[in-house]
């Protein structure tokens, strides 16, 4: 349910908070007909992921997208979206995690359903992880053959030391990519979204967004954790 609401009339912005702590900021506009844009963020990011799992965090968003969701692998997930323009992209940065997306006005429910599925039912199955690892291995082998990549890697080590968080992707780290580690990171970063903030701008009806937000965003998992990002001391 919606537990609080407020309006900034001078900006045409309406904000409401759900019972699970998630906040939504909405600005209906007619700047671009039949288009809705969304962005969101929750503080923390991969700063809370240990160095031993960092390679999984570095590739996390790509694997989350390419793994599919629920009972649909990537191919069947794409088939379900045939003819639709709705798009949701998860991200896990150093300081925050969240989603961005866009859709037609008639696809607002699809947009929120995808956010819900990414947050609750990601598919990090072994086959998709293995396939991704093999493709990435080919990419890195090609990149490692260039003098610039070698120079860039050395430059990062001179600037930041041996931390994996500032170096370039390395071939020897790819075996550390596992479905178990990815599920663990997902549970840690997306298993408690009470501090998630979502911003919607575009051609939509406010009351429709409020109803859909209660259904999909209001059922996102929360544990009541209060946190911010962690300073890792990664100065030059």
Protein backbone atom coordinates (compact mmCIF):
# COMPACT_ATOMS: atom_id res chain seq x y z
CA UNK A 1 0.00 0.00 0.00
CA UNK A 2 0.94 3.68 -0.32
CA UNK A 3 1.85 5.08 3.10
CA UNK A 4 2.75 8.68 2.20
CA UNK A 5 2.43 11.08 -0.71
CA UNK A 6 3.59 14.58 -1.53
CA UNK A 7 3.50 16.85 -4.55
CA UNK A 8 5.91 19.48 -5.83
CA UNK A 9 3.42 21.39 -7.93
CA UNK A 10 5.95 23.86 -9.35
CA UNK A 11 7.77 20.96 -11.02
CA UNK A 12 4.75 18.80 -11.77
CA UNK A 13 6.31 16.03 -9.67
CA UNK A 14 4.43 13.60 -7.46
CA UNK A 15 6.24 11.41 -4.92
CA UNK A 16 4.83 8.47 -3.00
CA UNK A 17 6.27 5.83 -0.68
CA UNK A 18 5.13 2.22 -0.43
CA UNK A 19 4.76 0.22 2.77
CA UNK A 20 7.98 -1.70 2.02
CA UNK A 21 9.97 1.57 1.95
CA UNK A 22 10.35 1.91 -1.82
CA UNK A 23 9.97 5.49 -3.07
CA UNK A 24 8.59 6.50 -6.47
CA UNK A 25 8.98 9.94 -8.04
CA UNK A 26 6.71 10.54 -11.04
CA UNK A 27 6.49 13.35 -13.56
CA UNK A 28 3.79 12.84 -16.21
CA UNK A 29 4.65 14.82 -19.34
CA UNK A 30 3.64 15.09 -22.98
CA UNK A 31 7.15 16.06 -24.12
CA UNK A 32 7.37 12.82 -26.08
CA UNK A 33 4.08 11.10 -26.83
CA UNK A 34 3.77 7.38 -26.06
CA UNK A 35 7.11 7.14 -24.25
CA UNK A 36 7.90 6.42 -20.60
CA UNK A 37 11.42 6.54 -19.15
CA UNK A 38 12.48 5.03 -15.84
CA UNK A 39 15.63 5.07 -13.76
CA UNK A 40 16.23 3.76 -10.26
CA UNK A 41 18.97 3.29 -7.70
CA UNK A 42 19.66 1.78 -4.29
CA UNK A 43 22.85 2.69 -2.38
CA UNK A 44 25.54 0.11 -1.74
CA UNK A 45 26.62 -1.33 -5.07
CA UNK A 46 29.52 -3.71 -5.47
CA UNK A 47 31.48 -1.89 -2.75
CA UNK A 48 29.98 -4.55 -0.45
CA UNK A 49 31.10 -7.44 -2.66
CA UNK A 50 34.40 -8.95 -1.45
CA UNK A 51 37.43 -8.89 -3.75
CA UNK A 52 37.27 -12.68 -4.04
CA UNK A 53 33.90 -12.39 -5.82
CA UNK A 54 34.57 -9.15 -7.67
CA UNK A 55 34.83 -10.68 -11.15
CA UNK A 56 31.24 -11.90 -10.69
CA UNK A 57 30.20 -8.37 -9.75
CA UNK A 58 32.01 -6.93 -12.78
CA UNK A 59 30.06 -9.13 -15.19
CA UNK A 60 26.90 -9.32 -13.06
CA UNK A 61 24.60 -7.06 -15.09
CA UNK A 62 25.55 -8.68 -18.42
CA UNK A 63 24.93 -12.16 -17.05
CA UNK A 64 21.69 -11.08 -15.42
CA UNK A 65 20.38 -9.88 -18.78
CA UNK A 66 21.68 -12.79 -20.84
CA UNK A 67 20.47 -15.41 -18.38
CA UNK A 68 16.79 -14.54 -18.71
CA UNK A 69 14.32 -14.67 -15.83
CA UNK A 70 11.83 -17.00 -14.21
CA UNK A 71 11.10 -19.96 -16.46
CA UNK A 72 12.32 -18.14 -19.57
CA UNK A 73 15.91 -18.37 -20.76
CA UNK A 74 17.29 -15.51 -22.85
CA UNK A 75 15.91 -16.81 -26.17
CA UNK A 76 12.40 -17.44 -24.87
CA UNK A 77 12.47 -14.17 -22.93
CA UNK A 78 13.20 -12.31 -26.17
CA UNK A 79 10.41 -14.22 -27.92
CA UNK A 80 7.95 -13.10 -25.23
CA UNK A 81 8.89 -9.48 -25.95
CA UNK A 82 8.50 -9.74 -29.73
CA UNK A 83 6.58 -6.73 -31.00
CA UNK A 84 7.09 -4.78 -27.79
CA UNK A 85 9.41 -1.85 -27.19
CA UNK A 86 9.66 -2.33 -23.42
CA UNK A 87 13.21 -2.59 -22.12
CA UNK A 88 14.70 -2.96 -18.64
CA UNK A 89 18.45 -2.98 -17.92
CA UNK A 90 19.75 -3.92 -14.46
CA UNK A 91 23.05 -2.50 -13.24
CA UNK A 92 25.45 -3.05 -10.35
CA UNK A 93 27.87 -0.17 -10.01
CA UNK A 94 30.47 0.50 -7.36
CA UNK A 95 28.19 2.77 -5.30
CA UNK A 96 24.65 1.68 -6.19
CA UNK A 97 22.51 -0.90 -7.93
CA UNK A 98 19.20 -0.63 -9.73
CA UNK A 99 17.44 -0.61 -13.08
CA UNK A 100 16.84 1.67 -16.02
CA UNK A 101 14.22 1.19 -18.68
CA UNK A 102 11.74 2.56 -21.17
CA UNK A 103 8.46 1.55 -22.74
CA UNK A 104 5.39 2.72 -24.61
CA UNK A 105 2.56 4.14 -22.55
CA UNK A 106 0.58 0.91 -23.02
CA UNK A 107 3.53 -1.19 -21.76
CA UNK A 108 3.91 0.31 -18.29
CA UNK A 109 2.75 -2.90 -16.62
CA UNK A 110 5.27 -4.90 -18.68
CA UNK A 111 8.03 -2.54 -17.51
CA UNK A 112 7.21 -3.02 -13.83
CA UNK A 113 6.73 -6.77 -14.28
CA UNK A 114 10.27 -7.01 -15.71
CA UNK A 115 11.67 -5.05 -12.75
CA UNK A 116 9.89 -7.46 -10.41
CA UNK A 117 11.20 -10.54 -12.24
CA UNK A 118 14.79 -9.28 -12.42
CA UNK A 119 14.66 -8.55 -8.68
CA UNK A 120 13.08 -11.86 -7.65
CA UNK A 121 13.66 -14.53 -10.32
CA UNK A 122 16.96 -14.11 -12.20
CA UNK A 123 18.33 -17.10 -14.12
CA UNK A 124 22.03 -17.57 -13.49
CA UNK A 125 21.95 -21.14 -14.77
CA UNK A 126 25.19 -23.02 -15.36
CA UNK A 127 24.73 -23.26 -19.14
CA UNK A 128 24.30 -19.51 -19.66
CA UNK A 129 27.25 -18.73 -17.38
CA UNK A 130 29.48 -21.25 -19.20
CA UNK A 131 28.45 -19.88 -22.59
CA UNK A 132 29.13 -16.30 -21.49
CA UNK A 133 32.51 -17.30 -20.06
CA UNK A 134 33.54 -18.91 -23.37
CA UNK A 135 32.50 -15.87 -25.40
CA UNK A 136 34.29 -13.52 -23.03
CA UNK A 137 37.42 -15.66 -23.23
CA UNK A 138 37.53 -15.16 -27.00
CA UNK A 139 37.03 -11.42 -26.58
CA UNK A 140 39.81 -11.11 -24.02
CA UNK A 141 42.25 -13.20 -26.08
CA UNK A 142 41.82 -10.76 -28.95
CA UNK A 143 42.19 -7.74 -26.67
CA UNK A 144 45.29 -9.17 -24.97
CA UNK A 145 47.03 -9.35 -28.34
CA UNK A 146 47.03 -5.55 -28.64
CA UNK A 147 49.87 -3.46 -27.16
CA UNK A 148 47.39 -0.85 -25.93
CA UNK A 149 45.58 -3.35 -23.69
CA UNK A 150 48.89 -4.39 -22.12
CA UNK A 151 49.80 -0.74 -21.56
CA UNK A 152 46.39 0.09 -20.08
CA UNK A 153 46.59 -2.85 -17.66
CA UNK A 154 50.07 -1.81 -16.48
CA UNK A 155 48.94 1.81 -16.13
CA UNK A 156 46.05 0.78 -13.84
CA UNK A 157 48.36 -1.32 -11.66
CA UNK A 158 50.79 1.59 -11.31
CA UNK A 159 47.93 3.93 -10.35
CA UNK A 160 45.97 1.67 -7.99
CA UNK A 161 48.11 -1.32 -7.09
CA UNK A 162 46.96 -4.91 -7.36
CA UNK A 163 43.24 -4.41 -6.56
CA UNK A 164 40.98 -6.19 -9.08
CA UNK A 165 38.51 -3.30 -8.85
CA UNK A 166 40.63 -0.95 -10.94
CA UNK A 167 42.38 -3.37 -13.28
CA UNK A 168 41.18 -4.46 -16.70
CA UNK A 169 39.35 -7.76 -17.14
CA UNK A 170 41.78 -10.68 -17.03
CA UNK A 171 41.64 -14.07 -18.68
CA UNK A 172 42.69 -15.92 -15.54
CA UNK A 173 39.72 -14.52 -13.59
CA UNK A 174 37.03 -16.01 -15.85
CA UNK A 175 36.95 -19.44 -14.10
CA UNK A 176 35.80 -17.57 -10.96
CA UNK A 177 32.49 -16.80 -12.68
CA UNK A 178 29.92 -19.20 -11.20
CA UNK A 179 26.15 -19.33 -10.97
CA UNK A 180 26.42 -19.79 -7.17
CA UNK A 181 28.45 -16.61 -6.73
CA UNK A 182 26.10 -14.65 -8.99
CA UNK A 183 23.05 -15.83 -7.04
CA UNK A 184 24.80 -14.85 -3.80
CA UNK A 185 25.53 -11.35 -5.06
CA UNK A 186 21.97 -10.98 -6.34
CA UNK A 187 20.54 -11.96 -2.97
CA UNK A 188 22.84 -9.51 -1.19
CA UNK A 189 22.26 -6.55 -3.50
CA UNK A 190 18.69 -7.09 -4.78
CA UNK A 191 17.25 -9.13 -1.92
CA UNK A 192 16.61 -6.02 0.17
CA UNK A 193 15.26 -3.08 -1.81
CA UNK A 194 13.59 -1.02 0.91
CA UNK A 195 15.81 1.95 0.00
CA UNK A 196 15.14 1.74 -3.75
CA UNK A 197 14.20 5.03 -5.45
CA UNK A 198 12.52 4.91 -8.86
CA UNK A 199 11.92 7.91 -11.11
CA UNK A 200 9.36 7.83 -13.93
CA UNK A 201 9.01 10.54 -16.57
CA UNK A 202 6.78 10.47 -19.62
CA UNK A 203 3.38 9.88 -21.12
CA UNK A 204 1.52 7.97 -18.39
CA UNK A 205 -1.44 8.37 -16.06
CA UNK A 206 -0.39 8.92 -12.45
CA UNK A 207 -3.20 6.81 -10.99
CA UNK A 208 -2.30 3.90 -13.25
CA UNK A 209 1.35 4.10 -12.14
CA UNK A 210 0.30 4.17 -8.48
CA UNK A 211 -1.86 1.07 -8.89
CA UNK A 212 0.82 -0.87 -10.79
CA UNK A 213 3.56 0.24 -8.38
CA UNK A 214 1.60 -1.16 -5.44
CA UNK A 215 1.20 -4.50 -7.21
CA UNK A 216 4.74 -5.00 -8.54
CA UNK A 217 7.08 -2.69 -6.61
CA UNK A 218 5.12 -3.10 -3.39
CA UNK A 219 5.91 -6.82 -3.47
CA UNK A 220 9.66 -6.48 -3.96
CA UNK A 221 11.72 -8.13 -1.19
CA UNK A 222 12.81 -6.02 1.78
CA UNK A 223 14.66 -6.84 4.98
CA UNK A 224 14.74 -3.35 6.46
CA UNK A 225 18.49 -2.96 6.06
CA UNK A 226 19.80 0.62 6.08
CA UNK A 227 23.09 1.06 4.31
CA UNK A 228 25.17 3.25 2.07
CA UNK A 229 28.12 2.52 -0.16
CA UNK A 230 31.42 1.54 1.48
CA UNK A 231 34.59 3.57 1.03
CA UNK A 232 37.16 1.07 -0.25
CA UNK A 233 40.05 3.53 -0.09
CA UNK A 234 40.88 3.06 -3.78
CA UNK A 235 42.73 6.33 -4.20
CA UNK A 236 45.46 6.85 -6.75
